[in-house]
N, C-alpha and C. Protein backbone atom coordinates (compact mmCIF):
# COMPACT_ATOMS: atom_id res chain seq x y z
N MET A 1 -13.92 -3.10 -2.65
CA MET A 1 -13.43 -2.38 -1.70
C MET A 1 -11.92 -1.90 -2.27
N ILE A 2 -11.42 -0.95 -1.74
CA ILE A 2 -10.19 -0.54 -2.24
C ILE A 2 -9.11 -0.46 -1.00
N TRP A 3 -7.99 -1.24 -1.24
CA TRP A 3 -7.07 -1.34 0.15
C TRP A 3 -5.85 -0.29 -0.21
N LEU A 4 -5.40 0.55 0.63
CA LEU A 4 -4.26 1.11 0.25
C LEU A 4 -3.11 0.84 1.31
N LEU A 5 -1.74 0.69 0.95
CA LEU A 5 -0.73 0.13 1.43
C LEU A 5 0.26 1.27 1.06
N ARG A 6 0.76 1.94 2.11
CA ARG A 6 1.90 2.87 1.97
C ARG A 6 3.02 1.88 2.01
N HIS A 7 4.05 2.36 1.17
CA HIS A 7 5.25 1.61 0.95
C HIS A 7 6.00 1.79 2.42
N GLY A 8 6.86 0.69 2.71
CA GLY A 8 7.51 0.46 3.83
C GLY A 8 8.64 1.49 4.08
N ASP A 9 8.99 1.70 5.14
CA ASP A 9 10.48 2.46 5.35
C ASP A 9 11.43 2.40 4.38
N ALA A 10 11.92 3.50 3.97
CA ALA A 10 12.84 3.44 2.77
C ALA A 10 14.11 4.30 3.15
N ALA A 11 15.24 3.76 2.52
CA ALA A 11 16.40 4.47 2.65
C ALA A 11 16.41 5.95 1.97
N ALA A 12 17.51 6.55 2.54
CA ALA A 12 17.40 8.19 2.10
C ALA A 12 18.08 7.81 0.78
N ALA A 13 18.19 8.71 -0.25
CA ALA A 13 18.70 8.68 -1.43
C ALA A 13 20.22 8.71 -1.33
N ALA A 14 20.72 7.64 -2.11
CA ALA A 14 22.19 7.70 -1.83
C ALA A 14 22.78 8.47 -2.96
N GLU A 15 24.38 9.33 -3.04
CA GLU A 15 24.80 9.90 -4.14
C GLU A 15 24.70 9.48 -5.37
N GLY A 16 23.94 9.91 -6.20
CA GLY A 16 23.79 9.62 -7.94
C GLY A 16 22.62 9.14 -7.75
N GLN A 17 21.79 8.80 -6.67
CA GLN A 17 20.28 8.18 -6.95
C GLN A 17 19.21 9.06 -6.93
N THR A 18 18.18 8.77 -8.04
CA THR A 18 16.93 9.55 -7.79
C THR A 18 16.25 8.98 -6.68
N ASP A 19 15.14 9.92 -6.25
CA ASP A 19 14.18 9.52 -5.39
C ASP A 19 13.60 8.30 -5.81
N ALA A 20 13.18 8.38 -7.07
CA ALA A 20 12.22 6.76 -7.43
C ALA A 20 13.12 5.50 -7.28
N GLU A 21 14.54 5.57 -7.25
CA GLU A 21 15.01 4.42 -6.99
C GLU A 21 15.71 4.06 -5.50
N ARG A 22 14.74 4.78 -4.46
CA ARG A 22 15.31 4.61 -3.13
C ARG A 22 14.80 3.33 -2.89
N PRO A 23 15.54 2.31 -2.25
CA PRO A 23 14.99 0.95 -1.99
C PRO A 23 14.56 0.97 -0.22
N LEU A 24 13.83 -0.18 -0.13
CA LEU A 24 13.38 -0.12 1.32
C LEU A 24 14.52 -0.62 2.12
N THR A 25 14.30 -0.06 3.43
CA THR A 25 15.40 -0.68 4.60
C THR A 25 15.05 -2.16 4.93
N GLU A 26 15.77 -2.73 5.73
CA GLU A 26 15.13 -3.91 6.21
C GLU A 26 14.25 -3.65 7.12
N LYS A 27 14.05 -2.50 7.75
CA LYS A 27 12.63 -2.29 8.59
C LYS A 27 11.47 -2.13 7.69
N GLY A 28 11.71 -1.57 6.38
CA GLY A 28 10.61 -1.46 5.49
C GLY A 28 10.28 -3.05 4.70
N ARG A 29 11.35 -3.68 4.56
CA ARG A 29 10.83 -5.02 3.96
C ARG A 29 10.24 -6.06 5.13
N ARG A 30 10.53 -5.89 6.53
CA ARG A 30 9.78 -6.44 7.30
C ARG A 30 8.35 -6.02 7.67
N GLN A 31 8.10 -4.44 7.45
CA GLN A 31 6.83 -4.10 7.53
C GLN A 31 5.86 -4.56 6.40
N SER A 32 6.43 -4.63 5.13
CA SER A 32 5.79 -4.90 3.79
C SER A 32 5.74 -6.51 4.26
N ARG A 33 6.47 -7.47 4.58
CA ARG A 33 6.02 -8.96 4.66
C ARG A 33 5.11 -9.09 5.97
N ALA A 34 5.09 -8.27 6.81
CA ALA A 34 4.23 -8.36 7.85
C ALA A 34 2.65 -7.88 7.26
N ALA A 35 2.67 -7.00 6.47
CA ALA A 35 1.38 -6.46 6.01
C ALA A 35 0.49 -7.66 4.96
N GLY A 36 1.50 -8.35 4.09
CA GLY A 36 1.04 -9.62 3.61
C GLY A 36 0.57 -10.70 4.28
N ALA A 37 1.67 -10.87 5.24
CA ALA A 37 0.89 -11.88 6.58
C ALA A 37 -0.03 -11.57 7.27
N ALA A 38 -0.52 -10.47 7.71
CA ALA A 38 -1.57 -9.84 8.17
C ALA A 38 -2.82 -10.14 7.43
N LEU A 39 -2.73 -9.60 6.24
CA LEU A 39 -3.84 -9.68 5.31
C LEU A 39 -4.18 -11.25 5.22
N ALA A 40 -3.42 -12.07 5.04
CA ALA A 40 -3.64 -13.59 4.82
C ALA A 40 -4.40 -14.13 5.94
N ARG A 41 -3.67 -13.78 6.97
CA ARG A 41 -4.28 -14.50 8.30
C ARG A 41 -5.69 -13.88 8.26
N LEU A 42 -5.83 -12.66 7.97
CA LEU A 42 -7.40 -12.13 8.07
C LEU A 42 -8.32 -12.82 6.90
N GLY A 43 -7.70 -13.52 6.03
CA GLY A 43 -8.50 -14.14 5.18
C GLY A 43 -8.59 -13.15 3.81
N VAL A 44 -8.15 -12.06 3.90
CA VAL A 44 -8.40 -11.20 2.65
C VAL A 44 -7.89 -11.56 1.43
N THR A 45 -8.22 -11.47 0.81
CA THR A 45 -7.80 -11.80 -0.94
C THR A 45 -8.16 -10.81 -1.90
N PHE A 46 -7.15 -10.69 -2.79
CA PHE A 46 -7.19 -9.47 -3.78
C PHE A 46 -7.80 -10.14 -5.35
N ASP A 47 -8.14 -9.24 -6.12
CA ASP A 47 -8.48 -9.46 -7.56
C ASP A 47 -7.35 -8.95 -8.21
N ALA A 48 -6.69 -7.82 -7.81
CA ALA A 48 -5.59 -6.92 -8.15
C ALA A 48 -4.62 -6.31 -7.47
N CYS A 49 -3.43 -6.18 -7.48
CA CYS A 49 -2.66 -5.46 -7.02
C CYS A 49 -1.85 -4.24 -7.85
N LEU A 50 -2.15 -3.00 -7.76
CA LEU A 50 -1.42 -1.83 -8.59
C LEU A 50 -0.71 -1.03 -7.61
N ALA A 51 0.73 -0.97 -8.00
CA ALA A 51 1.80 -0.14 -7.38
C ALA A 51 2.68 0.98 -8.25
N SER A 52 3.00 1.84 -7.38
CA SER A 52 3.80 2.67 -8.00
C SER A 52 5.12 1.86 -8.40
N PRO A 53 5.49 2.38 -9.71
CA PRO A 53 6.88 1.93 -10.12
C PRO A 53 8.02 2.08 -9.20
N ARG A 54 8.02 3.40 -8.18
CA ARG A 54 9.01 3.67 -7.51
C ARG A 54 9.65 2.60 -6.87
N VAL A 55 10.90 2.05 -6.57
CA VAL A 55 11.50 0.95 -5.90
C VAL A 55 10.65 0.67 -4.77
N ARG A 56 10.99 1.53 -4.23
CA ARG A 56 10.14 1.27 -2.39
C ARG A 56 8.75 0.78 -2.48
N ALA A 57 7.89 1.09 -3.55
CA ALA A 57 6.82 0.77 -3.62
C ALA A 57 6.71 -0.38 -4.09
N ALA A 58 7.31 -0.48 -5.07
CA ALA A 58 7.14 -1.96 -6.33
C ALA A 58 7.43 -2.73 -5.44
N ASP A 59 8.60 -2.66 -4.47
CA ASP A 59 9.31 -4.01 -3.44
C ASP A 59 8.13 -4.01 -2.40
N THR A 60 7.51 -3.07 -2.07
CA THR A 60 6.49 -3.08 -0.93
C THR A 60 5.66 -4.34 -1.06
N ALA A 61 5.01 -4.08 -2.42
CA ALA A 61 3.80 -4.66 -2.95
C ALA A 61 4.29 -6.30 -3.43
N LYS A 62 5.59 -6.21 -4.08
CA LYS A 62 5.76 -7.57 -4.24
C LYS A 62 6.22 -8.32 -2.94
N LEU A 63 6.70 -8.13 -1.66
CA LEU A 63 6.93 -8.67 -0.55
C LEU A 63 5.73 -8.83 -0.12
N ALA A 64 4.67 -7.92 -0.01
CA ALA A 64 3.27 -8.37 0.73
C ALA A 64 2.41 -9.25 -0.15
N CYS A 65 2.65 -9.21 -1.33
CA CYS A 65 1.78 -10.16 -2.37
C CYS A 65 2.25 -11.77 -2.31
N ASP A 66 3.51 -11.90 -1.92
CA ASP A 66 4.20 -12.89 -1.83
C ASP A 66 3.25 -13.82 -1.12
N ALA A 67 2.74 -13.36 0.21
CA ALA A 67 1.85 -14.19 1.08
C ALA A 67 0.41 -13.95 0.59
N LEU A 68 0.05 -13.62 -0.48
CA LEU A 68 -1.21 -13.28 -0.76
C LEU A 68 -1.81 -14.32 -2.20
N GLY A 69 -0.49 -14.42 -3.03
CA GLY A 69 -0.54 -15.10 -4.25
C GLY A 69 -1.29 -14.19 -5.14
N VAL A 70 -0.80 -13.01 -5.28
CA VAL A 70 -1.17 -11.76 -6.05
C VAL A 70 -0.18 -11.32 -6.97
N THR A 71 -0.44 -11.12 -8.35
CA THR A 71 0.53 -10.64 -9.24
C THR A 71 0.71 -8.94 -9.21
N VAL A 72 1.51 -8.60 -8.84
CA VAL A 72 1.72 -7.03 -8.97
C VAL A 72 1.79 -6.05 -10.38
N GLU A 73 0.84 -5.15 -10.50
CA GLU A 73 1.05 -4.56 -11.78
C GLU A 73 1.46 -3.13 -11.57
N LEU A 74 2.63 -2.68 -12.15
CA LEU A 74 2.96 -1.22 -11.94
C LEU A 74 2.28 -0.41 -12.58
N GLU A 75 1.84 0.61 -11.96
CA GLU A 75 0.82 1.92 -12.35
C GLU A 75 1.56 3.22 -12.13
N PRO A 76 1.94 3.87 -13.42
CA PRO A 76 2.69 5.13 -13.17
C PRO A 76 1.58 6.23 -12.38
N ALA A 77 0.23 6.02 -12.40
CA ALA A 77 -0.54 6.88 -11.90
C ALA A 77 -0.33 7.13 -10.26
N LEU A 78 0.24 5.92 -9.75
CA LEU A 78 0.54 5.83 -8.06
C LEU A 78 2.15 6.55 -7.91
N SER A 79 2.45 6.88 -8.70
CA SER A 79 3.94 7.38 -8.53
C SER A 79 4.29 8.63 -7.87
N GLY A 80 3.42 9.33 -7.70
CA GLY A 80 3.28 10.34 -6.98
C GLY A 80 2.14 11.71 -7.62
N GLY A 81 1.68 12.29 -6.70
CA GLY A 81 0.52 13.35 -7.12
C GLY A 81 -0.89 12.58 -7.20
N ARG A 82 -1.88 13.51 -7.05
CA ARG A 82 -3.12 13.06 -7.19
C ARG A 82 -3.71 12.16 -8.11
N PHE A 83 -4.25 11.14 -7.76
CA PHE A 83 -4.84 10.16 -8.26
C PHE A 83 -5.99 9.67 -8.04
N ASP A 84 -7.14 9.00 -8.87
CA ASP A 84 -8.50 8.69 -8.67
C ASP A 84 -8.50 7.38 -8.26
N ALA A 85 -8.19 6.82 -6.67
CA ALA A 85 -8.44 5.56 -6.41
C ALA A 85 -9.43 4.84 -6.95
N ALA A 86 -10.68 5.32 -7.10
CA ALA A 86 -12.03 4.70 -7.28
C ALA A 86 -11.56 4.47 -8.98
N ALA A 87 -11.33 5.07 -9.74
CA ALA A 87 -11.04 4.93 -11.27
C ALA A 87 -9.81 4.08 -11.43
N LEU A 88 -8.92 3.77 -10.73
CA LEU A 88 -8.02 2.96 -10.84
C LEU A 88 -8.33 1.68 -10.34
N ALA A 89 -9.27 1.46 -9.40
CA ALA A 89 -9.99 0.19 -9.13
C ALA A 89 -10.91 -0.53 -9.99
N ALA A 90 -11.59 0.58 -10.59
CA ALA A 90 -12.79 0.07 -11.50
C ALA A 90 -12.76 -0.97 -12.46
N GLY A 91 -13.26 -1.89 -12.51
CA GLY A 91 -12.96 -2.85 -13.32
C GLY A 91 -12.22 -4.14 -13.15
N ARG A 92 -11.49 -3.77 -11.80
CA ARG A 92 -10.28 -4.91 -11.55
C ARG A 92 -10.79 -5.54 -10.65
N GLY A 93 -12.09 -5.88 -10.20
CA GLY A 93 -12.42 -7.03 -8.96
C GLY A 93 -13.05 -6.17 -7.83
N GLU A 94 -13.55 -6.93 -6.93
CA GLU A 94 -13.98 -6.42 -5.61
C GLU A 94 -13.07 -6.00 -4.78
N GLN A 95 -11.94 -6.70 -4.73
CA GLN A 95 -10.76 -6.11 -3.77
C GLN A 95 -9.37 -5.77 -4.58
N VAL A 96 -9.43 -4.49 -4.44
CA VAL A 96 -8.05 -4.23 -5.24
C VAL A 96 -6.93 -3.36 -4.19
N LEU A 97 -5.92 -3.79 -4.15
CA LEU A 97 -4.86 -3.17 -3.46
C LEU A 97 -4.07 -2.30 -4.01
N LEU A 98 -4.00 -1.15 -3.77
CA LEU A 98 -3.09 -0.02 -4.28
C LEU A 98 -1.70 0.09 -3.47
N VAL A 99 -0.82 0.24 -4.23
CA VAL A 99 0.55 0.45 -3.21
C VAL A 99 1.43 1.57 -3.46
N GLY A 100 1.56 2.59 -2.78
CA GLY A 100 1.98 4.15 -3.09
C GLY A 100 2.44 4.77 -1.98
N HIS A 101 2.31 5.84 -2.23
CA HIS A 101 3.17 7.14 -1.41
C HIS A 101 2.22 7.96 -0.65
N GLU A 102 2.76 8.73 0.32
CA GLU A 102 2.18 9.86 1.15
C GLU A 102 2.57 11.25 0.22
N PRO A 103 1.80 12.30 0.24
CA PRO A 103 0.47 12.34 0.93
C PRO A 103 -0.47 11.81 0.17
N ASP A 104 -0.17 11.51 -0.99
CA ASP A 104 -1.17 10.93 -1.85
C ASP A 104 -2.59 9.79 -1.25
N PHE A 105 -1.82 9.00 -0.45
CA PHE A 105 -2.86 7.96 0.08
C PHE A 105 -3.77 8.45 0.97
N SER A 106 -3.35 9.24 1.88
CA SER A 106 -4.23 10.05 2.97
C SER A 106 -5.12 10.78 2.33
N GLU A 107 -4.74 11.75 0.96
CA GLU A 107 -5.70 12.39 0.12
C GLU A 107 -6.87 11.61 -0.46
N ALA A 108 -6.16 10.38 -0.94
CA ALA A 108 -7.13 9.23 -1.57
C ALA A 108 -8.31 8.99 -0.46
N VAL A 109 -7.96 8.83 0.58
CA VAL A 109 -8.62 8.21 1.89
C VAL A 109 -9.65 9.35 1.81
N ARG A 110 -9.23 10.60 2.18
CA ARG A 110 -9.98 11.70 2.44
C ARG A 110 -11.03 11.99 1.15
N GLU A 111 -10.84 11.67 0.36
CA GLU A 111 -11.56 11.94 -1.21
C GLU A 111 -12.65 10.77 -1.11
N LEU A 112 -12.08 9.53 -0.80
CA LEU A 112 -13.55 8.41 -0.92
C LEU A 112 -14.41 8.63 0.23
N THR A 113 -13.97 8.88 1.49
CA THR A 113 -14.68 8.64 2.70
C THR A 113 -14.84 10.10 3.38
N GLY A 114 -14.23 10.94 3.12
CA GLY A 114 -14.13 12.35 4.01
C GLY A 114 -13.38 12.22 5.25
N ALA A 115 -12.84 11.08 5.62
CA ALA A 115 -11.95 10.75 6.85
C ALA A 115 -10.65 11.73 6.42
N VAL A 116 -10.40 12.19 7.74
CA VAL A 116 -8.79 12.87 7.55
C VAL A 116 -7.76 11.99 8.53
N VAL A 117 -6.90 11.42 7.84
CA VAL A 117 -6.11 10.33 8.24
C VAL A 117 -4.68 10.64 7.74
N LYS A 118 -3.60 9.98 8.47
CA LYS A 118 -2.22 9.93 8.03
C LYS A 118 -1.98 8.71 7.91
N LEU A 119 -1.63 8.29 6.74
CA LEU A 119 -1.24 6.72 6.86
C LEU A 119 0.37 6.86 6.81
N ARG A 120 0.83 5.92 7.82
CA ARG A 120 2.11 5.82 8.31
C ARG A 120 2.76 4.77 7.03
N LYS A 121 3.99 4.94 7.25
CA LYS A 121 4.93 4.17 6.07
C LYS A 121 4.52 2.65 6.95
N GLY A 122 4.27 1.80 5.98
CA GLY A 122 3.81 0.44 6.33
C GLY A 122 2.45 0.13 6.58
N GLY A 123 1.87 1.40 6.62
CA GLY A 123 0.39 1.44 7.09
C GLY A 123 -0.78 0.82 6.08
N LEU A 124 -1.57 0.70 6.45
CA LEU A 124 -2.79 0.01 5.69
C LEU A 124 -4.31 0.87 5.82
N ALA A 125 -4.88 1.15 5.00
CA ALA A 125 -6.29 1.43 4.92
C ALA A 125 -7.11 0.90 3.96
N ALA A 126 -8.51 0.58 4.40
CA ALA A 126 -9.30 -0.18 3.49
C ALA A 126 -10.76 1.01 3.43
N ALA A 127 -11.21 0.98 2.21
CA ALA A 127 -12.04 2.09 2.08
C ALA A 127 -12.64 1.87 1.00
N GLU A 128 -14.28 2.28 0.79
CA GLU A 128 -15.12 2.52 -0.42
C GLU A 128 -15.87 3.69 -0.13
N PRO A 129 -16.24 4.41 -1.30
CA PRO A 129 -17.00 5.54 -1.36
C PRO A 129 -17.74 5.80 0.14
N GLY A 130 -17.47 6.66 0.74
CA GLY A 130 -18.49 6.83 2.26
C GLY A 130 -18.19 6.30 3.14
N THR A 131 -17.29 5.19 3.06
CA THR A 131 -16.82 4.59 4.61
C THR A 131 -15.39 3.97 4.48
N LEU A 132 -14.82 4.26 5.76
CA LEU A 132 -13.50 4.06 6.10
C LEU A 132 -13.80 2.71 6.83
N HIS A 133 -13.11 1.64 6.38
CA HIS A 133 -13.67 0.29 6.89
C HIS A 133 -12.59 -0.29 7.94
N LEU A 134 -11.28 0.37 7.77
CA LEU A 134 -10.10 -0.28 8.54
C LEU A 134 -8.99 0.94 8.21
N LEU A 135 -8.16 0.94 9.29
CA LEU A 135 -6.89 1.98 9.20
C LEU A 135 -5.88 1.13 10.38
N LEU A 136 -4.92 0.53 9.93
CA LEU A 136 -3.75 -0.30 10.71
C LEU A 136 -2.49 0.69 10.63
N ARG A 137 -1.86 0.41 11.79
CA ARG A 137 -0.41 0.85 11.65
C ARG A 137 0.35 -0.04 11.29
N PRO A 138 1.73 -0.03 11.01
CA PRO A 138 2.62 -1.12 11.07
C PRO A 138 2.61 -1.95 12.22
N ALA A 139 2.59 -1.42 13.52
CA ALA A 139 2.51 -2.32 14.68
C ALA A 139 1.62 -3.19 14.69
N GLU A 140 0.47 -2.62 14.30
CA GLU A 140 -1.18 -3.59 14.43
C GLU A 140 -0.87 -4.58 13.51
N LEU A 141 -0.25 -4.29 12.21
CA LEU A 141 -0.38 -5.37 11.10
C LEU A 141 0.81 -6.45 11.29
N ARG A 142 1.68 -6.04 12.24
CA ARG A 142 2.86 -6.77 12.92
C ARG A 142 2.07 -7.79 13.88
N ALA A 143 1.30 -7.29 14.77
CA ALA A 143 0.51 -8.18 16.01
C ALA A 143 -0.41 -8.97 15.25
N ILE A 144 -0.88 -8.64 14.14
CA ILE A 144 -1.85 -9.48 13.62
C ILE A 144 -1.22 -10.72 12.73
N ALA A 145 -0.13 -10.48 11.87
CA ALA A 145 0.62 -11.24 11.11
C ALA A 145 1.36 -12.11 12.31
N GLY A 146 1.26 -11.93 13.75
CA GLY A 146 2.11 -12.88 14.56
C GLY A 146 3.26 -12.83 14.72
N GLY A 147 3.79 -11.56 14.67
CA GLY A 147 5.14 -11.24 14.92
C GLY A 147 5.51 -10.15 15.40
């Protein structure tokens, strides 16, 4: 199964800062920790986590994976633009978490399943070819996490 976690809320780019350097806001850090806590509470385990190297996505992955005991691997293909979710996940185990950006993640869900979704900041989808198993908003993840 491929899990897609959109990065949490991020700050606007400060003067002299590139888009790739934009950090998470405190809200984004809370969303990221809640996603990890919710997944842990649901008993989901991952064989691998691949994240965009953009600061907001890499930090989302690290914060979420703290609760899951998974090491984050930075994957440039997730930093923006089209990517093949199934190809990235192939050979990495049964459960793979990808952390990245819109509109790429909603497009990846559509390519995998045919479902038209809009993944919110801090939102999570779980899919495999032909089936969308799960789509959760940040508020739902927070509720599952117990916060």
